[in-house]
PDB file of N, CA and C in Angstrom:
ATOM      1  N   VAL A   1      27.066  22.226   1.318  1.00  0.00           N
ATOM      2  CA  VAL A   1      28.566  21.894   1.677  1.00  0.00           C
ATOM      3  C   VAL A   1      29.408  22.561   0.976  1.00  0.00           C
ATOM      4  N   VAL A   2      29.504  22.810  -0.387  1.00  0.00           N
ATOM      5  CA  VAL A   2      30.437  23.519  -1.172  1.00  0.00           C
ATOM      6  C   VAL A   2      30.485  24.940  -0.797  1.00  0.00           C
ATOM      7  N   ALA A   3      29.376  25.594  -0.346  1.00  0.00           N
ATOM      8  CA  ALA A   3      28.992  27.042   0.004  1.00  0.00           C
ATOM      9  C   ALA A   3      29.739  26.945   1.231  1.00  0.00           C
ATOM     10  N   GLY A   4      29.604  26.400   2.096  1.00  0.00           N
ATOM     11  CA  GLY A   4      30.209  26.426   3.426  1.00  0.00           C
ATOM     12  C   GLY A   4      31.946  26.191   3.279  1.00  0.00           C
ATOM     13  N   THR A   5      32.112  25.362   2.661  1.00  0.00           N
ATOM     14  CA  THR A   5      33.726  25.087   2.224  1.00  0.00           C
ATOM     15  C   THR A   5      34.281  26.231   1.773  1.00  0.00           C
ATOM     16  N   LEU A   6      33.825  27.003   0.643  1.00  0.00           N
ATOM     17  CA  LEU A   6      34.272  28.078   0.285  1.00  0.00           C
ATOM     18  C   LEU A   6      33.785  29.484   0.802  1.00  0.00           C
ATOM     19  N   ALA A   7      33.372  29.459   2.166  1.00  0.00           N
ATOM     20  CA  ALA A   7      32.992  30.515   2.931  1.00  0.00           C
ATOM     21  C   ALA A   7      32.135  31.618   2.089  1.00  0.00           C
ATOM     22  N   MET A   8      31.140  31.113   1.240  1.00  0.00           N
ATOM     23  CA  MET A   8      30.458  32.081   0.617  1.00  0.00           C
ATOM     24  C   MET A   8      29.379  32.739   1.647  1.00  0.00           C
ATOM     25  N   PRO A   9      29.153  34.018   1.617  1.00  0.00           N
ATOM     26  CA  PRO A   9      28.500  34.606   2.473  1.00  0.00           C
ATOM     27  C   PRO A   9      26.975  34.060   2.304  1.00  0.00           C
ATOM     28  N   VAL A  10      26.237  34.016   3.259  1.00  0.00           N
ATOM     29  CA  VAL A  10      24.694  33.599   3.240  1.00  0.00           C
ATOM     30  C   VAL A  10      23.881  34.374   2.630  1.00  0.00           C
ATOM     31  N   ARG A  11      24.127  35.855   2.263  1.00  0.00           N
ATOM     32  CA  ARG A  11      23.268  36.520   1.499  1.00  0.00           C
ATOM     33  C   ARG A  11      23.582  36.088   0.061  1.00  0.00           C
ATOM     34  N   ARG A  12      24.767  35.950  -0.459  1.00  0.00           N
ATOM     35  CA  ARG A  12      25.023  35.496  -1.893  1.00  0.00           C
ATOM     36  C   ARG A  12      24.590  34.170  -2.118  1.00  0.00           C
ATOM     37  N   TYR A  13      24.530  33.190  -1.185  1.00  0.00           N
ATOM     38  CA  TYR A  13      24.203  31.868  -1.327  1.00  0.00           C
ATOM     39  C   TYR A  13      22.745  31.781  -1.535  1.00  0.00           C
ATOM     40  N   ALA A  14      22.132  32.605  -0.549  1.00  0.00           N
ATOM     41  CA  ALA A  14      20.415  32.680  -0.514  1.00  0.00           C
ATOM     42  C   ALA A  14      19.962  33.282  -1.817  1.00  0.00           C
ATOM     43  N   ARG A  15      20.682  34.225  -2.235  1.00  0.00           N
ATOM     44  CA  ARG A  15      20.360  35.031  -3.838  1.00  0.00           C
ATOM     45  C   ARG A  15      20.219  33.941  -4.736  1.00  0.00           C
ATOM     46  N   TYR A  16      21.405  33.152  -4.752  1.00  0.00           N
ATOM     47  CA  TYR A  16      21.589  32.413  -6.162  1.00  0.00           C
ATOM     48  C   TYR A  16      20.823  30.987  -5.787  1.00  0.00           C
ATOM     49  N   THR A  17      20.278  30.716  -4.589  1.00  0.00           N
ATOM     50  CA  THR A  17      19.536  29.449  -4.457  1.00  0.00           C
ATOM     51  C   THR A  17      18.101  29.837  -4.767  1.00  0.00           C
ATOM     52  N   VAL A  18      17.664  30.989  -4.480  1.00  0.00           N
ATOM     53  CA  VAL A  18      16.216  31.467  -4.731  1.00  0.00           C
ATOM     54  C   VAL A  18      16.382  31.672  -6.328  1.00  0.00           C
ATOM     55  N   ILE A  19      17.255  32.205  -6.975  1.00  0.00           N
ATOM     56  CA  ILE A  19      17.324  32.302  -8.497  1.00  0.00           C
ATOM     57  C   ILE A  19      17.336  30.951  -9.114  1.00  0.00           C
ATOM     58  N   GLY A  20      18.169  29.823  -8.570  1.00  0.00           N
ATOM     59  CA  GLY A  20      18.036  28.884  -9.239  1.00  0.00           C
ATOM     60  C   GLY A  20      16.660  27.983  -8.904  1.00  0.00           C
ATOM     61  N   ALA A  21      16.339  28.128  -7.954  1.00  0.00           N
ATOM     62  CA  ALA A  21      14.654  27.456  -7.462  1.00  0.00           C
ATOM     63  C   ALA A  21      13.674  27.973  -8.398  1.00  0.00           C
ATOM     64  N   VAL A  22      13.820  29.368  -8.844  1.00  0.00           N
ATOM     65  CA  VAL A  22      12.813  30.035  -9.636  1.00  0.00           C
ATOM     66  C   VAL A  22      12.905  29.448 -10.965  1.00  0.00           C
ATOM     67  N   VAL A  23      14.145  29.436 -11.296  1.00  0.00           N
ATOM     68  CA  VAL A  23      14.400  29.157 -12.876  1.00  0.00           C
ATOM     69  C   VAL A  23      14.253  27.623 -12.872  1.00  0.00           C
ATOM     70  N   TRP A  24      14.488  26.726 -12.006  1.00  0.00           N
ATOM     71  CA  TRP A  24      14.248  25.262 -12.159  1.00  0.00           C
ATOM     72  C   TRP A  24      12.597  25.177 -12.146  1.00  0.00           C
ATOM     73  N   ALA A  25      11.798  25.928 -11.063  1.00  0.00           N
ATOM     74  CA  ALA A  25      10.477  25.615 -11.167  1.00  0.00           C
ATOM     75  C   ALA A  25       9.763  26.181 -12.572  1.00  0.00           C
ATOM     76  N   LEU A  26      10.146  27.264 -13.307  1.00  0.00           N
ATOM     77  CA  LEU A  26       9.676  27.762 -14.561  1.00  0.00           C
ATOM     78  C   LEU A  26       9.937  26.579 -15.570  1.00  0.00           C
ATOM     79  N   VAL A  27      11.215  26.171 -15.714  1.00  0.00           N
ATOM     80  CA  VAL A  27      11.602  25.198 -16.804  1.00  0.00           C
ATOM     81  C   VAL A  27      10.814  23.953 -16.252  1.00  0.00           C
ATOM     82  N   TYR A  28      10.801  23.392 -15.123  1.00  0.00           N
ATOM     83  CA  TYR A  28       9.915  22.322 -14.792  1.00  0.00           C
ATOM     84  C   TYR A  28       8.318  22.324 -15.232  1.00  0.00           C
ATOM     85  N   VAL A  29       7.977  23.313 -14.862  1.00  0.00           N
ATOM     86  CA  VAL A  29       6.567  23.731 -15.030  1.00  0.00           C
ATOM     87  C   VAL A  29       5.984  23.773 -16.690  1.00  0.00           C
ATOM     88  N   GLY A  30       6.933  24.497 -17.475  1.00  0.00           N
ATOM     89  CA  GLY A  30       7.130  24.685 -18.823  1.00  0.00           C
ATOM     90  C   GLY A  30       7.111  23.437 -19.347  1.00  0.00           C
ATOM     91  N   LEU A  31       8.095  22.650 -19.156  1.00  0.00           N
ATOM     92  CA  LEU A  31       8.265  21.389 -19.771  1.00  0.00           C
ATOM     93  C   LEU A  31       6.937  20.541 -19.712  1.00  0.00           C
ATOM     94  N   GLY A  32       6.478  20.600 -18.542  1.00  0.00           N
ATOM     95  CA  GLY A  32       5.510  19.807 -18.157  1.00  0.00           C
ATOM     96  C   GLY A  32       4.166  20.070 -18.693  1.00  0.00           C
ATOM     97  N   SER A  33       4.006  21.292 -18.848  1.00  0.00           N
ATOM     98  CA  SER A  33       2.966  22.011 -19.909  1.00  0.00           C
ATOM     99  C   SER A  33       3.165  21.620 -21.160  1.00  0.00           C
ATOM    100  N   ALA A  34       4.311  21.793 -21.587  1.00  0.00           N
ATOM    101  CA  ALA A  34       4.557  21.571 -23.132  1.00  0.00           C
ATOM    102  C   ALA A  34       4.135  19.890 -23.294  1.00  0.00           C
ATOM    103  N   ALA A  35       4.529  18.939 -22.329  1.00  0.00           N
ATOM    104  CA  ALA A  35       4.546  17.522 -22.764  1.00  0.00           C
ATOM    105  C   ALA A  35       2.742  17.453 -22.572  1.00  0.00           C
ATOM    106  N   SER A  36       2.304  17.999 -21.708  1.00  0.00           N
ATOM    107  CA  SER A  36       0.665  17.814 -21.529  1.00  0.00           C
ATOM    108  C   SER A  36      -0.174  18.357 -22.875  1.00  0.00           C
ATOM    109  N   ALA A  37       0.397  19.296 -23.231  1.00  0.00           N
ATOM    110  CA  ALA A  37      -0.295  19.829 -24.485  1.00  0.00           C
ATOM    111  C   ALA A  37       0.041  18.936 -25.721  1.00  0.00           C
ATOM    112  N   ALA A  38       1.304  18.129 -25.374  1.00  0.00           N
ATOM    113  CA  ALA A  38       1.703  17.316 -26.752  1.00  0.00           C
ATOM    114  C   ALA A  38       0.920  16.176 -26.771  1.00  0.00           C
ATOM    115  N   VAL A  39       0.735  15.878 -25.291  1.00  0.00           N
ATOM    116  CA  VAL A  39      -0.145  14.464 -25.484  1.00  0.00           C
ATOM    117  C   VAL A  39      -1.546  14.722 -25.671  1.00  0.00           C
ATOM    118  N   ARG A  40      -2.194  15.743 -25.292  1.00  0.00           N
ATOM    119  CA  ARG A  40      -3.553  16.062 -25.615  1.00  0.00           C
ATOM    120  C   ARG A  40      -3.662  16.194 -26.983  1.00  0.00           C
ATOM    121  N   GLY A  41      -2.740  16.635 -27.815  1.00  0.00           N
ATOM    122  CA  GLY A  41      -2.815  16.803 -29.261  1.00  0.00           C
ATOM    123  C   GLY A  41      -2.628  15.463 -29.983  1.00  0.00           C
ATOM    124  N   SER A  42      -2.016  14.599 -29.220  1.00  0.00           N
ATOM    125  CA  SER A  42      -1.658  13.413 -30.013  1.00  0.00           C
ATOM    126  C   SER A  42      -2.310  12.273 -29.100  1.00  0.00           C
ATOM    127  N   ALA A  43      -3.363  12.423 -28.343  1.00  0.00           N
ATOM    128  CA  ALA A  43      -3.917  11.364 -27.655  1.00  0.00           C
ATOM    129  C   ALA A  43      -4.552  10.160 -28.350  1.00  0.00           C
ATOM    130  N   HIS A  44      -5.139  10.423 -29.433  1.00  0.00           N
ATOM    131  CA  HIS A  44      -5.563   9.171 -30.181  1.00  0.00           C
ATOM    132  C   HIS A  44      -4.420   8.473 -30.942  1.00  0.00           C
ATOM    133  N   LEU A  45      -3.357   8.647 -30.464  1.00  0.00           N
ATOM    134  CA  LEU A  45      -2.024   7.907 -30.945  1.00  0.00           C
ATOM    135  C   LEU A  45      -1.569   7.133 -29.872  1.00  0.00           C
ATOM    136  N   LEU A  46      -1.872   7.617 -28.787  1.00  0.00           N
ATOM    137  CA  LEU A  46      -1.490   6.972 -27.587  1.00  0.00           C
ATOM    138  C   LEU A  46      -1.625   5.628 -27.433  1.00  0.00           C
ATOM    139  N   GLY A  47      -2.884   5.211 -27.564  1.00  0.00           N
ATOM    140  CA  GLY A  47      -3.137   3.698 -27.444  1.00  0.00           C
ATOM    141  C   GLY A  47      -2.575   2.927 -28.264  1.00  0.00           C
ATOM    142  N   PRO A  48      -2.481   3.068 -29.656  1.00  0.00           N
ATOM    143  CA  PRO A  48      -1.936   2.299 -30.595  1.00  0.00           C
ATOM    144  C   PRO A  48      -0.349   2.328 -30.377  1.00  0.00           C
ATOM    145  N   THR A  49       0.251   3.603 -30.099  1.00  0.00           N
ATOM    146  CA  THR A  49       1.812   3.643 -29.742  1.00  0.00           C
ATOM    147  C   THR A  49       2.218   2.696 -28.710  1.00  0.00           C
ATOM    148  N   VAL A  50       1.431   2.829 -27.651  1.00  0.00           N
ATOM    149  CA  VAL A  50       1.685   1.885 -26.322  1.00  0.00           C
ATOM    150  C   VAL A  50       1.611   0.385 -26.656  1.00  0.00           C
ATOM    151  N   THR A  51       0.555   0.118 -27.368  1.00  0.00           N
ATOM    152  CA  THR A  51       0.337  -1.263 -27.756  1.00  0.00           C
ATOM    153  C   THR A  51       1.575  -1.708 -28.857  1.00  0.00           C
ATOM    154  N   ALA A  52       1.945  -0.742 -29.756  1.00  0.00           N
ATOM    155  CA  ALA A  52       2.729  -1.205 -30.591  1.00  0.00           C
ATOM    156  C   ALA A  52       4.376  -1.657 -29.811  1.00  0.00           C
ATOM    157  N   VAL A  53       4.479  -0.637 -28.911  1.00  0.00           N
ATOM    158  CA  VAL A  53       5.670  -0.925 -28.117  1.00  0.00           C
ATOM    159  C   VAL A  53       5.726  -1.958 -27.278  1.00  0.00           C
ATOM    160  N   ALA A  54       4.527  -2.649 -26.818  1.00  0.00           N
ATOM    161  CA  ALA A  54       4.450  -3.582 -25.883  1.00  0.00           C
ATOM    162  C   ALA A  54       4.581  -4.944 -26.740  1.00  0.00           C
ATOM    163  N   VAL A  55       4.043  -4.920 -27.991  1.00  0.00           N
ATOM    164  CA  VAL A  55       4.056  -6.020 -28.966  1.00  0.00           C
ATOM    165  C   VAL A  55       5.522  -6.095 -29.311  1.00  0.00           C
ATOM    166  N   SER A  56       6.105  -5.046 -29.652  1.00  0.00           N
ATOM    167  CA  SER A  56       7.598  -5.260 -30.124  1.00  0.00           C
ATOM    168  C   SER A  56       8.238  -5.807 -28.905  1.00  0.00           C
ATOM    169  N   GLY A  57       8.138  -5.245 -27.986  1.00  0.00           N
ATOM    170  CA  GLY A  57       9.152  -5.773 -26.797  1.00  0.00           C
ATOM    171  C   GLY A  57       8.715  -7.085 -26.584  1.00  0.00           C
ATOM    172  N   LEU A  58       7.611  -7.760 -26.541  1.00  0.00           N
ATOM    173  CA  LEU A  58       7.250  -8.998 -26.343  1.00  0.00           C
ATOM    174  C   LEU A  58       8.055  -9.668 -27.402  1.00  0.00           C
ATOM    175  N   ALA A  59       7.888  -9.602 -28.465  1.00  0.00           N
ATOM    176  CA  ALA A  59       8.553 -10.131 -29.844  1.00  0.00           C
ATOM    177  C   ALA A  59       9.796 -10.332 -29.724  1.00  0.00           C
ATOM    178  N   VAL A  60      10.529  -9.222 -29.087  1.00  0.00           N
ATOM    179  CA  VAL A  60      11.897  -9.198 -29.111  1.00  0.00           C
ATOM    180  C   VAL A  60      12.359 -10.248 -28.006  1.00  0.00           C
ATOM    181  N   ALA A  61      11.619 -10.172 -26.797  1.00  0.00           N
ATOM    182  CA  ALA A  61      11.980 -11.153 -25.741  1.00  0.00           C
ATOM    183  C   ALA A  61      12.026 -12.548 -26.059  1.00  0.00           C
ATOM    184  N   LEU A  62      10.787 -12.679 -26.833  1.00  0.00           N
ATOM    185  CA  LEU A  62      10.491 -14.304 -27.433  1.00  0.00           C
ATOM    186  C   LEU A  62      11.704 -14.570 -28.255  1.00  0.00           C
ATOM    187  N   VAL A  63      12.124 -13.708 -29.216  1.00  0.00           N
ATOM    188  CA  VAL A  63      13.244 -14.180 -30.354  1.00  0.00           C
ATOM    189  C   VAL A  63      14.596 -14.325 -29.214  1.00  0.00           C
ATOM    190  N   VAL A  64      15.036 -13.420 -28.312  1.00  0.00           N
ATOM    191  CA  VAL A  64      15.960 -13.572 -27.700  1.00  0.00           C
ATOM    192  C   VAL A  64      16.000 -14.995 -26.699  1.00  0.00           C
ATOM    193  N   ARG A  65      14.856 -15.371 -26.110  1.00  0.00           N
ATOM    194  CA  ARG A  65      14.699 -16.535 -25.582  1.00  0.00           C
ATOM    195  C   ARG A  65      15.002 -17.698 -26.360  1.00  0.00           C
ATOM    196  N   THR A  66      14.193 -17.675 -27.506  1.00  0.00           N
ATOM    197  CA  THR A  66      14.555 -18.826 -28.553  1.00  0.00           C
ATOM    198  C   THR A  66      15.972 -18.934 -28.935  1.00  0.00           C
ATOM    199  N   VAL A  67      16.517 -17.823 -29.144  1.00  0.00           N
ATOM    200  CA  VAL A  67      18.094 -18.074 -29.722  1.00  0.00           C
ATOM    201  C   VAL A  67      18.870 -18.522 -28.707  1.00  0.00           C
ATOM    202  N   HIS A  68      18.345 -18.023 -27.393  1.00  0.00           N
ATOM    203  CA  HIS A  68      19.307 -18.544 -26.129  1.00  0.00           C
ATOM    204  C   HIS A  68      19.159 -19.925 -25.910  1.00  0.00           C
ATOM    205  N   ARG A  69      17.696 -20.417 -26.190  1.00  0.00           N
ATOM    206  CA  ARG A  69      17.647 -21.762 -25.776  1.00  0.00           C
ATOM    207  C   ARG A  69      18.280 -22.918 -26.925  1.00  0.00           C
ATOM    208  N   ARG A  70      18.205 -22.490 -28.381  1.00  0.00           N
ATOM    209  CA  ARG A  70      18.938 -22.983 -29.169  1.00  0.00           C
ATOM    210  C   ARG A  70      20.299 -23.250 -29.223  1.00  0.00           C
ATOM    211  N   ARG A  71      21.178 -22.139 -28.872  1.00  0.00           N
ATOM    212  CA  ARG A  71      22.680 -21.859 -28.515  1.00  0.00           C
ATOM    213  C   ARG A  71      22.834 -22.824 -27.287  1.00  0.00           C
ATOM    214  N   ALA A  72      21.929 -23.011 -26.388  1.00  0.00           N
ATOM    215  CA  ALA A  72      22.345 -24.051 -25.074  1.00  0.00           C
ATOM    216  C   ALA A  72      22.205 -25.298 -25.671  1.00  0.00           C
ATOM    217  N   ALA A  73      21.097 -25.392 -26.356  1.00  0.00           N
ATOM    218  CA  ALA A  73      20.698 -26.865 -26.868  1.00  0.00           C
ATOM    219  C   ALA A  73      21.878 -27.294 -27.670  1.00  0.00           C
ATOM    220  N   ARG A  74      22.592 -26.410 -28.733  1.00  0.00           N
ATOM    221  CA  ARG A  74      23.823 -26.688 -29.554  1.00  0.00           C
ATOM    222  C   ARG A  74      24.908 -26.986 -28.698  1.00  0.00           C
ATOM    223  N   ALA A  75      25.009 -26.149 -27.547  1.00  0.00           N
ATOM    224  CA  ALA A  75      26.335 -26.352 -26.761  1.00  0.00           C
ATOM    225  C   ALA A  75      26.357 -27.729 -25.875  1.00  0.00           C
ATOM    226  N   GLU A  76      25.243 -28.107 -25.711  1.00  0.00           N
ATOM    227  CA  GLU A  76      25.046 -29.416 -24.878  1.00  0.00           C
ATOM    228  C   GLU A  76      25.346 -30.617 -26.113  1.00  0.00           C
ATOM    229  N   ALA A  77      24.754 -30.344 -27.248  1.00  0.00           N
ATOM    230  CA  ALA A  77      24.765 -31.467 -27.975  1.00  0.00           C
ATOM    231  C   ALA A  77      26.347 -31.640 -28.551  1.00  0.00           C
ATOM    232  N   ALA A  78      27.044 -30.410 -28.670  1.00  0.00           N
ATOM    233  CA  ALA A  78      28.615 -30.416 -29.120  1.00  0.00           C
ATOM    234  C   ALA A  78      29.348 -31.026 -27.839  1.00  0.00           C
ATOM    235  N   GLU A  79      28.788 -30.810 -26.525  1.00  0.00           N
ATOM    236  CA  GLU A  79      29.674 -31.166 -25.462  1.00  0.00           C
ATOM    237  C   GLU A  79      29.633 -32.692 -25.456  1.00  0.00           C
ATOM    238  N   ALA A  80      28.231 -33.013 -25.656  1.00  0.00           N
ATOM    239  CA  ALA A  80      27.897 -34.713 -25.650  1.00  0.00           C
ATOM    240  C   ALA A  80      28.799 -35.284 -26.568  1.00  0.00           C
ATOM    241  N   SER A  81      29.011 -34.999 -27.713  1.00  0.00           N
ATOM    242  CA  SER A  81      29.562 -35.522 -28.715  1.00  0.00           C
ATOM    243  C   SER A  81      30.844 -35.517 -28.942  1.00  0.00           C
ATOM    244  N   VAL A  82      31.508 -34.729 -27.784  1.00  0.00           N
ATOM    245  CA  VAL A  82      33.080 -34.740 -27.604  1.00  0.00           C
ATOM    246  C   VAL A  82      33.494 -35.970 -26.948  1.00  0.00           C
ATOM    247  N   PRO A  83      34.524 -36.779 -27.392  1.00  0.00           N
ATOM    248  CA  PRO A  83      34.968 -38.110 -26.634  1.00  0.00           C
ATOM    249  C   PRO A  83      35.757 -37.697 -25.338  1.00  0.00           C
ATOM    250  N   THR A  84      35.484 -38.018 -24.222  1.00  0.00           N
ATOM    251  CA  THR A  84      36.309 -38.104 -23.267  1.00  0.00           C
ATOM    252  C   THR A  84      37.479 -38.670 -23.044  1.00  0.00           C
ATOM    253  N   PRO A  85      38.708 -38.454 -22.809  1.00  0.00           N
ATOM    254  CA  PRO A  85      39.817 -39.204 -22.994  1.00  0.00           C
ATOM    255  C   PRO A  85      39.884 -40.115 -21.825  1.00  0.00           C
ATOM    256  N   GLY A  86      40.156 -41.280 -22.249  1.00  0.00           N
ATOM    257  CA  GLY A  86      40.382 -42.322 -21.111  1.00  0.00           C
ATOM    258  C   GLY A  86      39.153 -43.018 -21.384  1.00  0.00           C
ATOM    259  N   ARG A  87      38.085 -42.848 -21.770  1.00  0.00           N
ATOM    260  CA  ARG A  87      36.814 -43.773 -21.950  1.00  0.00           C
ATOM    261  C   ARG A  87      36.818 -44.337 -23.300  1.00  0.00           C
ATOM    262  N   ARG A  88      36.230 -45.376 -23.158  1.00  0.00           N
ATOM    263  CA  ARG A  88      36.177 -46.163 -24.580  1.00  0.00           C
ATOM    264  C   ARG A  88      34.487 -46.250 -24.685  1.00  0.00           C
ATOM    265  N   GLY A  89      33.961 -46.176 -25.754  1.00  0.00           N
ATOM    266  CA  GLY A  89      32.565 -46.310 -25.879  1.00  0.00           C
ATOM    267  C   GLY A  89      32.295 -46.404 -27.212  1.00  0.00           C
TER     268      GLY A  89
END
């Protein structure tokens, strides 16, 4: 769209598109290869790391849930203890 709006010649557009595609492919494959090598080199740590992250996430979720429930209970208790105007009791 931008190339058409700027009236860029097709040959110039095609040249930059090919260059961009080749660079993108090389970077994408290079990063994938590097990540693969890193995982292979540290595969023995992958299981414990995933387990630790999962357990930590579960612990955080439980703490957040408990805090939320306690705050809600306190708010209900505070609301129930406030006298309503016009009512005697």
